[in-house]
């Protein structure tokens, strides 16, 4: 595992056409990448979350940033409570581990 954050590109396994710039320490969960993102990129992921989970025009999946708690909340029709991802202080500043250790992220290889 890397001891410092390194810049990398990531995509969700279900949507390889859309990549997001983030950082990695080399952590994995069940073989999937565990990325960290700057707030602006985390906002893009939150916006994209509903788009990639549209099934027969249902809008059951959506996400929002909660400035009072400084967390991103991801909602779906399977859980009553949203999944929340708050900030992590790193040597790169405050980053958000959106989906780390629970989503199927893939790191783009050079």
PDB file of N, CA and C in Angstrom:
ATOM      1  N   UNK A   1       0.837  -1.186   0.000  1.00  0.00           N
ATOM      2  CA  UNK A   1       0.000   0.000   0.000  1.00  0.00           C
ATOM      3  C   UNK A   1       0.881   1.247   0.000  1.00  0.00           C
ATOM      4  N   UNK A   2       0.417   2.275  -0.696  1.00  0.00           N
ATOM      5  CA  UNK A   2       1.157   3.527  -0.779  1.00  0.00           C
ATOM      6  C   UNK A   2       0.980   4.297   0.522  1.00  0.00           C
ATOM      7  N   UNK A   3       2.017   5.038   0.913  1.00  0.00           N
ATOM      8  CA  UNK A   3       1.903   5.812   2.150  1.00  0.00           C
ATOM      9  C   UNK A   3       1.383   7.215   1.889  1.00  0.00           C
ATOM     10  N   UNK A   4       1.427   7.664   0.647  1.00  0.00           N
ATOM     11  CA  UNK A   4       0.923   8.992   0.317  1.00  0.00           C
ATOM     12  C   UNK A   4      -0.122   8.888  -0.784  1.00  0.00           C
ATOM     13  N   UNK A   5      -0.896   9.932  -0.896  1.00  0.00           N
ATOM     14  CA  UNK A   5      -1.931   9.985  -1.930  1.00  0.00           C
ATOM     15  C   UNK A   5      -1.303  10.232  -3.291  1.00  0.00           C
ATOM     16  N   UNK A   6      -1.781   9.525  -4.284  1.00  0.00           N
ATOM     17  CA  UNK A   6      -1.347   9.727  -5.668  1.00  0.00           C
ATOM     18  C   UNK A   6      -2.562  10.013  -6.526  1.00  0.00           C
ATOM     19  N   UNK A   7      -2.412  10.930  -7.473  1.00  0.00           N
ATOM     20  CA  UNK A   7      -3.502  11.291  -8.373  1.00  0.00           C
ATOM     21  C   UNK A   7      -3.822  10.104  -9.289  1.00  0.00           C
ATOM     22  N   UNK A   8      -5.102   9.901  -9.550  1.00  0.00           N
ATOM     23  CA  UNK A   8      -5.528   8.794 -10.409  1.00  0.00           C
ATOM     24  C   UNK A   8      -6.917   9.106 -10.964  1.00  0.00           C
ATOM     25  N   UNK A   9      -7.305   8.345 -11.982  1.00  0.00           N
ATOM     26  CA  UNK A   9      -8.649   8.435 -12.566  1.00  0.00           C
ATOM     27  C   UNK A   9      -9.407   7.170 -12.176  1.00  0.00           C
ATOM     28  N   UNK A  10     -10.703   7.333 -11.957  1.00  0.00           N
ATOM     29  CA  UNK A  10     -11.534   6.217 -11.526  1.00  0.00           C
ATOM     30  C   UNK A  10     -12.842   6.207 -12.304  1.00  0.00           C
ATOM     31  N   UNK A  11     -13.416   5.019 -12.439  1.00  0.00           N
ATOM     32  CA  UNK A  11     -14.776   4.910 -12.969  1.00  0.00           C
ATOM     33  C   UNK A  11     -15.511   3.837 -12.177  1.00  0.00           C
ATOM     34  N   UNK A  12     -16.822   3.949 -12.178  1.00  0.00           N
ATOM     35  CA  UNK A  12     -17.649   2.925 -11.545  1.00  0.00           C
ATOM     36  C   UNK A  12     -17.770   1.752 -12.506  1.00  0.00           C
ATOM     37  N   UNK A  13     -17.683   0.551 -11.985  1.00  0.00           N
ATOM     38  CA  UNK A  13     -17.741  -0.654 -12.804  1.00  0.00           C
ATOM     39  C   UNK A  13     -18.959  -0.664 -13.722  1.00  0.00           C
ATOM     40  N   UNK A  14     -20.078  -0.125 -13.261  1.00  0.00           N
ATOM     41  CA  UNK A  14     -21.310  -0.111 -14.062  1.00  0.00           C
ATOM     42  C   UNK A  14     -21.302   0.966 -15.143  1.00  0.00           C
ATOM     43  N   UNK A  15     -20.319   1.870 -15.114  1.00  0.00           N
ATOM     44  CA  UNK A  15     -20.286   2.996 -16.053  1.00  0.00           C
ATOM     45  C   UNK A  15     -18.845   3.336 -16.441  1.00  0.00           C
ATOM     46  N   UNK A  16     -18.188   2.470 -17.220  1.00  0.00           N
ATOM     47  CA  UNK A  16     -16.780   2.693 -17.560  1.00  0.00           C
ATOM     48  C   UNK A  16     -16.532   3.892 -18.472  1.00  0.00           C
ATOM     49  N   UNK A  17     -17.585   4.448 -19.050  1.00  0.00           N
ATOM     50  CA  UNK A  17     -17.416   5.587 -19.963  1.00  0.00           C
ATOM     51  C   UNK A  17     -17.191   6.899 -19.218  1.00  0.00           C
ATOM     52  N   UNK A  18     -17.542   6.962 -17.946  1.00  0.00           N
ATOM     53  CA  UNK A  18     -17.438   8.205 -17.184  1.00  0.00           C
ATOM     54  C   UNK A  18     -16.367   8.068 -16.111  1.00  0.00           C
ATOM     55  N   UNK A  19     -15.312   8.883 -16.223  1.00  0.00           N
ATOM     56  CA  UNK A  19     -14.234   8.823 -15.238  1.00  0.00           C
ATOM     57  C   UNK A  19     -14.231  10.078 -14.372  1.00  0.00           C
ATOM     58  N   UNK A  20     -13.668   9.926 -13.187  1.00  0.00           N
ATOM     59  CA  UNK A  20     -13.559  11.019 -12.229  1.00  0.00           C
ATOM     60  C   UNK A  20     -12.122  11.072 -11.721  1.00  0.00           C
ATOM     61  N   UNK A  21     -11.583  12.289 -11.625  1.00  0.00           N
ATOM     62  CA  UNK A  21     -10.221  12.479 -11.119  1.00  0.00           C
ATOM     63  C   UNK A  21     -10.237  12.470  -9.599  1.00  0.00           C
ATOM     64  N   UNK A  22      -9.346  11.683  -9.034  1.00  0.00           N
ATOM     65  CA  UNK A  22      -9.269  11.604  -7.585  1.00  0.00           C
ATOM     66  C   UNK A  22      -7.879  11.222  -7.134  1.00  0.00           C
ATOM     67  N   UNK A  23      -7.827  10.637  -5.956  1.00  0.00           N
ATOM     68  CA  UNK A  23      -6.560  10.238  -5.356  1.00  0.00           C
ATOM     69  C   UNK A  23      -6.697   8.832  -4.793  1.00  0.00           C
ATOM     70  N   UNK A  24      -5.561   8.157  -4.679  1.00  0.00           N
ATOM     71  CA  UNK A  24      -5.556   6.823  -4.096  1.00  0.00           C
ATOM     72  C   UNK A  24      -4.354   6.658  -3.178  1.00  0.00           C
ATOM     73  N   UNK A  25      -4.541   5.856  -2.137  1.00  0.00           N
ATOM     74  CA  UNK A  25      -3.439   5.403  -1.297  1.00  0.00           C
ATOM     75  C   UNK A  25      -3.130   3.950  -1.629  1.00  0.00           C
ATOM     76  N   UNK A  26      -3.861   3.400  -2.601  1.00  0.00           N
ATOM     77  CA  UNK A  26      -3.680   2.008  -2.966  1.00  0.00           C
ATOM     78  C   UNK A  26      -4.602   1.064  -2.223  1.00  0.00           C
ATOM     79  N   UNK A  27      -5.492   1.611  -1.397  1.00  0.00           N
ATOM     80  CA  UNK A  27      -6.452   0.766  -0.666  1.00  0.00           C
ATOM     81  C   UNK A  27      -7.402   0.092  -1.641  1.00  0.00           C
ATOM     82  N   UNK A  28      -7.797  -1.134  -1.308  1.00  0.00           N
ATOM     83  CA  UNK A  28      -8.824  -1.819  -2.086  1.00  0.00           C
ATOM     84  C   UNK A  28      -9.816  -2.457  -1.130  1.00  0.00           C
ATOM     85  N   UNK A  29     -10.988  -2.734  -1.654  1.00  0.00           N
ATOM     86  CA  UNK A  29     -12.052  -3.415  -0.916  1.00  0.00           C
ATOM     87  C   UNK A  29     -12.601  -4.486  -1.858  1.00  0.00           C
ATOM     88  N   UNK A  30     -12.440  -5.745  -1.496  1.00  0.00           N
ATOM     89  CA  UNK A  30     -12.864  -6.862  -2.348  1.00  0.00           C
ATOM     90  C   UNK A  30     -12.312  -6.739  -3.772  1.00  0.00           C
ATOM     91  N   UNK A  31     -11.128  -6.165  -3.888  1.00  0.00           N
ATOM     92  CA  UNK A  31     -10.484  -6.004  -5.190  1.00  0.00           C
ATOM     93  C   UNK A  31     -10.832  -4.698  -5.902  1.00  0.00           C
ATOM     94  N   UNK A  32     -11.738  -3.914  -5.344  1.00  0.00           N
ATOM     95  CA  UNK A  32     -12.151  -2.650  -5.953  1.00  0.00           C
ATOM     96  C   UNK A  32     -11.353  -1.497  -5.353  1.00  0.00           C
ATOM     97  N   UNK A  33     -11.156  -0.452  -6.145  1.00  0.00           N
ATOM     98  CA  UNK A  33     -10.410   0.721  -5.689  1.00  0.00           C
ATOM     99  C   UNK A  33     -11.206   1.486  -4.631  1.00  0.00           C
ATOM    100  N   UNK A  34     -10.482   2.198  -3.764  1.00  0.00           N
ATOM    101  CA  UNK A  34     -11.087   3.039  -2.722  1.00  0.00           C
ATOM    102  C   UNK A  34     -10.577   4.469  -2.896  1.00  0.00           C
ATOM    103  N   UNK A  35     -11.208   5.220  -3.787  1.00  0.00           N
ATOM    104  CA  UNK A  35     -10.706   6.551  -4.120  1.00  0.00           C
ATOM    105  C   UNK A  35     -11.150   7.652  -3.151  1.00  0.00           C
ATOM    106  N   UNK A  36     -10.438   8.769  -3.246  1.00  0.00           N
ATOM    107  CA  UNK A  36     -10.745   9.989  -2.507  1.00  0.00           C
ATOM    108  C   UNK A  36     -10.879  11.103  -3.536  1.00  0.00           C
ATOM    109  N   UNK A  37     -11.837  12.022  -3.307  1.00  0.00           N
ATOM    110  CA  UNK A  37     -12.112  13.063  -4.290  1.00  0.00           C
ATOM    111  C   UNK A  37     -12.173  14.443  -3.645  1.00  0.00           C
ATOM    112  N   UNK A  38     -11.760  15.455  -4.416  1.00  0.00           N
ATOM    113  CA  UNK A  38     -11.948  16.834  -3.994  1.00  0.00           C
ATOM    114  C   UNK A  38     -13.441  17.134  -4.032  1.00  0.00           C
ATOM    115  N   UNK A  39     -13.873  18.148  -3.291  1.00  0.00           N
ATOM    116  CA  UNK A  39     -15.297  18.444  -3.151  1.00  0.00           C
ATOM    117  C   UNK A  39     -15.973  18.662  -4.503  1.00  0.00           C
ATOM    118  N   UNK A  40     -15.328  19.383  -5.420  1.00  0.00           N
ATOM    119  CA  UNK A  40     -15.941  19.663  -6.719  1.00  0.00           C
ATOM    120  C   UNK A  40     -16.220  18.374  -7.490  1.00  0.00           C
ATOM    121  N   UNK A  41     -15.295  17.434  -7.420  1.00  0.00           N
ATOM    122  CA  UNK A  41     -15.480  16.151  -8.111  1.00  0.00           C
ATOM    123  C   UNK A  41     -16.545  15.326  -7.383  1.00  0.00           C
ATOM    124  N   UNK A  42     -16.547  15.371  -6.063  1.00  0.00           N
ATOM    125  CA  UNK A  42     -17.580  14.662  -5.293  1.00  0.00           C
ATOM    126  C   UNK A  42     -18.963  15.173  -5.673  1.00  0.00           C
ATOM    127  N   UNK A  43     -19.081  16.478  -5.930  1.00  0.00           N
ATOM    128  CA  UNK A  43     -20.361  17.039  -6.364  1.00  0.00           C
ATOM    129  C   UNK A  43     -20.761  16.491  -7.733  1.00  0.00           C
ATOM    130  N   UNK A  44     -19.780  16.307  -8.622  1.00  0.00           N
ATOM    131  CA  UNK A  44     -20.064  15.723  -9.938  1.00  0.00           C
ATOM    132  C   UNK A  44     -20.540  14.278  -9.786  1.00  0.00           C
ATOM    133  N   UNK A  45     -19.921  13.536  -8.890  1.00  0.00           N
ATOM    134  CA  UNK A  45     -20.319  12.148  -8.650  1.00  0.00           C
ATOM    135  C   UNK A  45     -21.741  12.106  -8.090  1.00  0.00           C
ATOM    136  N   UNK A  46     -22.052  13.011  -7.170  1.00  0.00           N
ATOM    137  CA  UNK A  46     -23.399  13.073  -6.595  1.00  0.00           C
ATOM    138  C   UNK A  46     -24.431  13.359  -7.681  1.00  0.00           C
ATOM    139  N   UNK A  47     -24.113  14.274  -8.577  1.00  0.00           N
ATOM    140  CA  UNK A  47     -25.028  14.594  -9.670  1.00  0.00           C
ATOM    141  C   UNK A  47     -25.188  13.403 -10.615  1.00  0.00           C
ATOM    142  N   UNK A  48     -24.099  12.721 -10.883  1.00  0.00           N
ATOM    143  CA  UNK A  48     -24.094  11.582 -11.803  1.00  0.00           C
ATOM    144  C   UNK A  48     -24.795  10.351 -11.200  1.00  0.00           C
ATOM    145  N   UNK A  49     -24.839  10.278  -9.883  1.00  0.00           N
ATOM    146  CA  UNK A  49     -25.403   9.115  -9.183  1.00  0.00           C
ATOM    147  C   UNK A  49     -26.824   8.799  -9.655  1.00  0.00           C
ATOM    148  N   UNK A  50     -27.661   9.803  -9.750  1.00  0.00           N
ATOM    149  CA  UNK A  50     -29.035   9.580 -10.199  1.00  0.00           C
ATOM    150  C   UNK A  50     -29.117   9.194 -11.660  1.00  0.00           C
ATOM    151  N   UNK A  51     -28.198   9.717 -12.472  1.00  0.00           N
ATOM    152  CA  UNK A  51     -28.218   9.439 -13.909  1.00  0.00           C
ATOM    153  C   UNK A  51     -27.908   7.980 -14.217  1.00  0.00           C
ATOM    154  N   UNK A  52     -26.939   7.400 -13.513  1.00  0.00           N
ATOM    155  CA  UNK A  52     -26.548   6.021 -13.842  1.00  0.00           C
ATOM    156  C   UNK A  52     -27.466   4.988 -13.198  1.00  0.00           C
ATOM    157  N   UNK A  53     -28.356   5.435 -12.333  1.00  0.00           N
ATOM    158  CA  UNK A  53     -29.282   4.513 -11.678  1.00  0.00           C
ATOM    159  C   UNK A  53     -30.728   4.760 -12.094  1.00  0.00           C
ATOM    160  N   UNK A  54     -30.922   5.160 -13.324  1.00  0.00           N
ATOM    161  CA  UNK A  54     -32.287   5.362 -13.821  1.00  0.00           C
ATOM    162  C   UNK A  54     -32.778   4.041 -14.413  1.00  0.00           C
ATOM    163  N   UNK A  55     -33.794   3.488 -13.807  1.00  0.00           N
ATOM    164  CA  UNK A  55     -34.372   2.250 -14.295  1.00  0.00           C
ATOM    165  C   UNK A  55     -35.841   2.512 -14.622  1.00  0.00           C
ATOM    166  N   UNK A  56     -36.181   2.423 -15.887  1.00  0.00           N
ATOM    167  CA  UNK A  56     -37.560   2.644 -16.316  1.00  0.00           C
ATOM    168  C   UNK A  56     -38.093   3.972 -15.791  1.00  0.00           C
ATOM    169  N   UNK A  57     -37.262   4.997 -15.899  1.00  0.00           N
ATOM    170  CA  UNK A  57     -37.601   6.370 -15.512  1.00  0.00           C
ATOM    171  C   UNK A  57     -37.905   6.555 -14.030  1.00  0.00           C
ATOM    172  N   UNK A  58     -37.500   5.619 -13.202  1.00  0.00           N
ATOM    173  CA  UNK A  58     -37.663   5.793 -11.764  1.00  0.00           C
ATOM    174  C   UNK A  58     -36.592   6.751 -11.265  1.00  0.00           C
ATOM    175  N   UNK A  59     -36.926   7.547 -10.298  1.00  0.00           N
ATOM    176  CA  UNK A  59     -35.953   8.481  -9.732  1.00  0.00           C
ATOM    177  C   UNK A  59     -35.713   8.144  -8.273  1.00  0.00           C
ATOM    178  N   UNK A  60     -35.431   6.896  -8.020  1.00  0.00           N
ATOM    179  CA  UNK A  60     -35.264   6.421  -6.658  1.00  0.00           C
ATOM    180  C   UNK A  60     -33.862   6.687  -6.114  1.00  0.00           C
ATOM    181  N   UNK A  61     -32.922   6.965  -7.000  1.00  0.00           N
ATOM    182  CA  UNK A  61     -31.536   7.179  -6.596  1.00  0.00           C
ATOM    183  C   UNK A  61     -31.205   8.651  -6.780  1.00  0.00           C
ATOM    184  N   UNK A  62     -30.724   9.278  -5.725  1.00  0.00           N
ATOM    185  CA  UNK A  62     -30.305  10.655  -5.834  1.00  0.00           C
ATOM    186  C   UNK A  62     -29.320  10.959  -4.712  1.00  0.00           C
ATOM    187  N   UNK A  63     -28.630  12.069  -4.832  1.00  0.00           N
ATOM    188  CA  UNK A  63     -27.610  12.421  -3.849  1.00  0.00           C
ATOM    189  C   UNK A  63     -27.612  13.925  -3.645  1.00  0.00           C
ATOM    190  N   UNK A  64     -27.095  14.328  -2.490  1.00  0.00           N
ATOM    191  CA  UNK A  64     -26.997  15.753  -2.185  1.00  0.00           C
ATOM    192  C   UNK A  64     -25.836  15.994  -1.236  1.00  0.00           C
ATOM    193  N   UNK A  65     -25.364  17.217  -1.244  1.00  0.00           N
ATOM    194  CA  UNK A  65     -24.351  17.643  -0.285  1.00  0.00           C
ATOM    195  C   UNK A  65     -25.067  18.356   0.856  1.00  0.00           C
ATOM    196  N   UNK A  66     -24.759  17.988   2.079  1.00  0.00           N
ATOM    197  CA  UNK A  66     -25.343  18.624   3.249  1.00  0.00           C
ATOM    198  C   UNK A  66     -24.283  19.519   3.886  1.00  0.00           C
ATOM    199  N   UNK A  67     -24.371  20.838   3.655  1.00  0.00           N
ATOM    200  CA  UNK A  67     -23.330  21.736   4.165  1.00  0.00           C
ATOM    201  C   UNK A  67     -23.299  21.817   5.691  1.00  0.00           C
ATOM    202  N   UNK A  68     -24.430  21.581   6.355  1.00  0.00           N
ATOM    203  CA  UNK A  68     -24.451  21.630   7.816  1.00  0.00           C
ATOM    204  C   UNK A  68     -23.603  20.519   8.431  1.00  0.00           C
ATOM    205  N   UNK A  69     -23.620  19.358   7.798  1.00  0.00           N
ATOM    206  CA  UNK A  69     -22.861  18.215   8.304  1.00  0.00           C
ATOM    207  C   UNK A  69     -21.562  18.000   7.527  1.00  0.00           C
ATOM    208  N   UNK A  70     -21.366  18.719   6.410  1.00  0.00           N
ATOM    209  CA  UNK A  70     -20.205  18.559   5.533  1.00  0.00           C
ATOM    210  C   UNK A  70     -20.084  17.103   5.080  1.00  0.00           C
ATOM    211  N   UNK A  71     -21.199  16.558   4.595  1.00  0.00           N
ATOM    212  CA  UNK A  71     -21.221  15.183   4.092  1.00  0.00           C
ATOM    213  C   UNK A  71     -22.024  15.124   2.797  1.00  0.00           C
ATOM    214  N   UNK A  72     -21.704  14.124   1.997  1.00  0.00           N
ATOM    215  CA  UNK A  72     -22.510  13.808   0.823  1.00  0.00           C
ATOM    216  C   UNK A  72     -23.416  12.654   1.206  1.00  0.00           C
ATOM    217  N   UNK A  73     -24.710  12.802   0.887  1.00  0.00           N
ATOM    218  CA  UNK A  73     -25.704  11.788   1.219  1.00  0.00           C
ATOM    219  C   UNK A  73     -26.222  11.168  -0.078  1.00  0.00           C
ATOM    220  N   UNK A  74     -26.139   9.845  -0.152  1.00  0.00           N
ATOM    221  CA  UNK A  74     -26.587   9.102  -1.332  1.00  0.00           C
ATOM    222  C   UNK A  74     -27.790   8.259  -0.946  1.00  0.00           C
ATOM    223  N   UNK A  75     -28.894   8.490  -1.639  1.00  0.00           N
ATOM    224  CA  UNK A  75     -30.161   7.827  -1.346  1.00  0.00           C
ATOM    225  C   UNK A  75     -30.458   6.773  -2.419  1.00  0.00           C
ATOM    226  N   UNK A  76     -31.103   5.694  -2.000  1.00  0.00           N
ATOM    227  CA  UNK A  76     -31.598   4.701  -2.946  1.00  0.00           C
ATOM    228  C   UNK A  76     -32.863   4.081  -2.384  1.00  0.00           C
ATOM    229  N   UNK A  77     -33.494   3.261  -3.182  1.00  0.00           N
ATOM    230  CA  UNK A  77     -34.771   2.681  -2.756  1.00  0.00           C
ATOM    231  C   UNK A  77     -34.592   1.420  -1.908  1.00  0.00           C
ATOM    232  N   UNK A  78     -33.353   1.057  -1.592  1.00  0.00           N
ATOM    233  CA  UNK A  78     -33.113  -0.161  -0.829  1.00  0.00           C
ATOM    234  C   UNK A  78     -32.868   0.105   0.654  1.00  0.00           C
ATOM    235  N   UNK A  79     -32.453   1.314   0.984  1.00  0.00           N
ATOM    236  CA  UNK A  79     -32.124   1.647   2.368  1.00  0.00           C
ATOM    237  C   UNK A  79     -32.968   2.832   2.829  1.00  0.00           C
ATOM    238  N   UNK A  80     -33.402   2.793   4.076  1.00  0.00           N
ATOM    239  CA  UNK A  80     -34.175   3.908   4.604  1.00  0.00           C
ATOM    240  C   UNK A  80     -33.293   5.129   4.841  1.00  0.00           C
ATOM    241  N   UNK A  81     -32.088   4.890   5.332  1.00  0.00           N
ATOM    242  CA  UNK A  81     -31.149   5.977   5.605  1.00  0.00           C
ATOM    243  C   UNK A  81     -30.158   6.098   4.450  1.00  0.00           C
ATOM    244  N   UNK A  82     -29.743   7.316   4.119  1.00  0.00           N
ATOM    245  CA  UNK A  82     -28.756   7.467   3.043  1.00  0.00           C
ATOM    246  C   UNK A  82     -27.376   7.005   3.486  1.00  0.00           C
ATOM    247  N   UNK A  83     -26.566   6.635   2.497  1.00  0.00           N
ATOM    248  CA  UNK A  83     -25.148   6.397   2.774  1.00  0.00           C
ATOM    249  C   UNK A  83     -24.495   7.761   2.815  1.00  0.00           C
ATOM    250  N   UNK A  84     -23.710   8.005   3.842  1.00  0.00           N
ATOM    251  CA  UNK A  84     -23.059   9.311   3.946  1.00  0.00           C
ATOM    252  C   UNK A  84     -21.547   9.152   3.841  1.00  0.00           C
ATOM    253  N   UNK A  85     -20.948  10.130   3.190  1.00  0.00           N
ATOM    254  CA  UNK A  85     -19.501  10.164   3.027  1.00  0.00           C
ATOM    255  C   UNK A  85     -19.016  11.555   3.414  1.00  0.00           C
ATOM    256  N   UNK A  86     -18.291  11.606   4.513  1.00  0.00           N
ATOM    257  CA  UNK A  86     -17.768  12.877   5.003  1.00  0.00           C
ATOM    258  C   UNK A  86     -16.322  13.087   4.594  1.00  0.00           C
ATOM    259  N   UNK A  87     -15.762  14.209   5.015  1.00  0.00           N
ATOM    260  CA  UNK A  87     -14.401  14.552   4.620  1.00  0.00           C
ATOM    261  C   UNK A  87     -13.351  13.770   5.407  1.00  0.00           C
ATOM    262  N   UNK A  88     -12.207  13.604   4.758  1.00  0.00           N
ATOM    263  CA  UNK A  88     -11.043  12.985   5.372  1.00  0.00           C
ATOM    264  C   UNK A  88      -9.891  13.970   5.179  1.00  0.00           C
ATOM    265  N   UNK A  89      -9.188  14.285   6.252  1.00  0.00           N
ATOM    266  CA  UNK A  89      -8.033  15.174   6.123  1.00  0.00           C
ATOM    267  C   UNK A  89      -6.838  14.353   5.628  1.00  0.00           C
ATOM    268  N   UNK A  90      -6.231  14.796   4.541  1.00  0.00           N
ATOM    269  CA  UNK A  90      -5.072  14.107   3.963  1.00  0.00           C
ATOM    270  C   UNK A  90      -3.986  15.132   3.673  1.00  0.00           C
ATOM    271  N   UNK A  91      -2.850  14.657   3.210  1.00  0.00           N
ATOM    272  CA  UNK A  91      -1.785  15.595   2.833  1.00  0.00           C
ATOM    273  C   UNK A  91      -2.172  16.422   1.611  1.00  0.00           C
ATOM    274  N   UNK A  92      -3.218  16.008   0.898  1.00  0.00           N
ATOM    275  CA  UNK A  92      -3.734  16.758  -0.255  1.00  0.00           C
ATOM    276  C   UNK A  92      -4.858  17.706   0.158  1.00  0.00           C
ATOM    277  N   UNK A  93      -5.142  17.788   1.452  1.00  0.00           N
ATOM    278  CA  UNK A  93      -6.240  18.615   1.940  1.00  0.00           C
ATOM    279  C   UNK A  93      -7.446  17.762   2.253  1.00  0.00           C
ATOM    280  N   UNK A  94      -8.597  18.414   2.335  1.00  0.00           N
ATOM    281  CA  UNK A  94      -9.840  17.710   2.667  1.00  0.00           C
ATOM    282  C   UNK A  94     -10.365  17.006   1.422  1.00  0.00           C
ATOM    283  N   UNK A  95     -10.508  15.685   1.522  1.00  0.00           N
ATOM    284  CA  UNK A  95     -11.022  14.869   0.421  1.00  0.00           C
ATOM    285  C   UNK A  95     -12.195  14.037   0.924  1.00  0.00           C
ATOM    286  N   UNK A  96     -13.038  13.623  -0.019  1.00  0.00           N
ATOM    287  CA  UNK A  96     -14.219  12.824   0.306  1.00  0.00           C
ATOM    288  C   UNK A  96     -14.056  11.435  -0.319  1.00  0.00           C
ATOM    289  N   UNK A  97     -14.181  10.410   0.515  1.00  0.00           N
ATOM    290  CA  UNK A  97     -14.014   9.024   0.059  1.00  0.00           C
ATOM    291  C   UNK A  97     -15.365   8.492  -0.417  1.00  0.00           C
ATOM    292  N   UNK A  98     -15.883   9.070  -1.508  1.00  0.00           N
ATOM    293  CA  UNK A  98     -17.198   8.705  -2.010  1.00  0.00           C
ATOM    294  C   UNK A  98     -17.184   7.249  -2.495  1.00  0.00           C
ATOM    295  N   UNK A  99     -17.946   6.406  -1.838  1.00  0.00           N
ATOM    296  CA  UNK A  99     -18.056   5.009  -2.238  1.00  0.00           C
ATOM    297  C   UNK A  99     -16.885   4.119  -1.870  1.00  0.00           C
ATOM    298  N   UNK A 100     -15.902   4.671  -1.169  1.00  0.00           N
ATOM    299  CA  UNK A 100     -14.751   3.846  -0.777  1.00  0.00           C
ATOM    300  C   UNK A 100     -15.221   2.745   0.179  1.00  0.00           C
ATOM    301  N   UNK A 101     -14.727   1.550  -0.019  1.00  0.00           N
ATOM    302  CA  UNK A 101     -15.026   0.388   0.807  1.00  0.00           C
ATOM    303  C   UNK A 101     -16.487  -0.068   0.716  1.00  0.00           C
ATOM    304  N   UNK A 102     -17.205   0.339  -0.365  1.00  0.00           N
ATOM    305  CA  UNK A 102     -18.572  -0.167  -0.524  1.00  0.00           C
ATOM    306  C   UNK A 102     -19.053  -0.103  -1.977  1.00  0.00           C
ATOM    307  N   UNK A 103     -18.431   0.668  -2.856  1.00  0.00           N
ATOM    308  CA  UNK A 103     -18.839   0.733  -4.255  1.00  0.00           C
ATOM    309  C   UNK A 103     -17.788   0.050  -5.119  1.00  0.00           C
ATOM    310  N   UNK A 104     -18.163  -0.278  -6.333  1.00  0.00           N
ATOM    311  CA  UNK A 104     -17.255  -0.990  -7.236  1.00  0.00           C
ATOM    312  C   UNK A 104     -16.534   0.013  -8.154  1.00  0.00           C
ATOM    313  N   UNK A 105     -15.533   0.688  -7.574  1.00  0.00           N
ATOM    314  CA  UNK A 105     -14.693   1.633  -8.302  1.00  0.00           C
ATOM    315  C   UNK A 105     -13.535   0.882  -8.972  1.00  0.00           C
ATOM    316  N   UNK A 106     -13.155   1.343 -10.144  1.00  0.00           N
ATOM    317  CA  UNK A 106     -12.010   0.790 -10.865  1.00  0.00           C
ATOM    318  C   UNK A 106     -11.023   1.937 -11.111  1.00  0.00           C
ATOM    319  N   UNK A 107      -9.761   1.698 -10.782  1.00  0.00           N
ATOM    320  CA  UNK A 107      -8.720   2.694 -11.075  1.00  0.00           C
ATOM    321  C   UNK A 107      -8.261   2.496 -12.520  1.00  0.00           C
ATOM    322  N   UNK A 108      -8.218   3.591 -13.271  1.00  0.00           N
ATOM    323  CA  UNK A 108      -7.763   3.531 -14.663  1.00  0.00           C
ATOM    324  C   UNK A 108      -6.258   3.305 -14.649  1.00  0.00           C
ATOM    325  N   UNK A 109      -5.841   2.262 -15.354  1.00  0.00           N
ATOM    326  CA  UNK A 109      -4.390   1.967 -15.432  1.00  0.00           C
ATOM    327  C   UNK A 109      -3.754   2.804 -16.526  1.00  0.00           C
ATOM    328  N   UNK A 110      -2.544   3.249 -16.270  1.00  0.00           N
ATOM    329  CA  UNK A 110      -1.816   4.037 -17.286  1.00  0.00           C
ATOM    330  C   UNK A 110      -1.467   3.218 -18.502  1.00  0.00           C
TER     331      UNK A 110
END
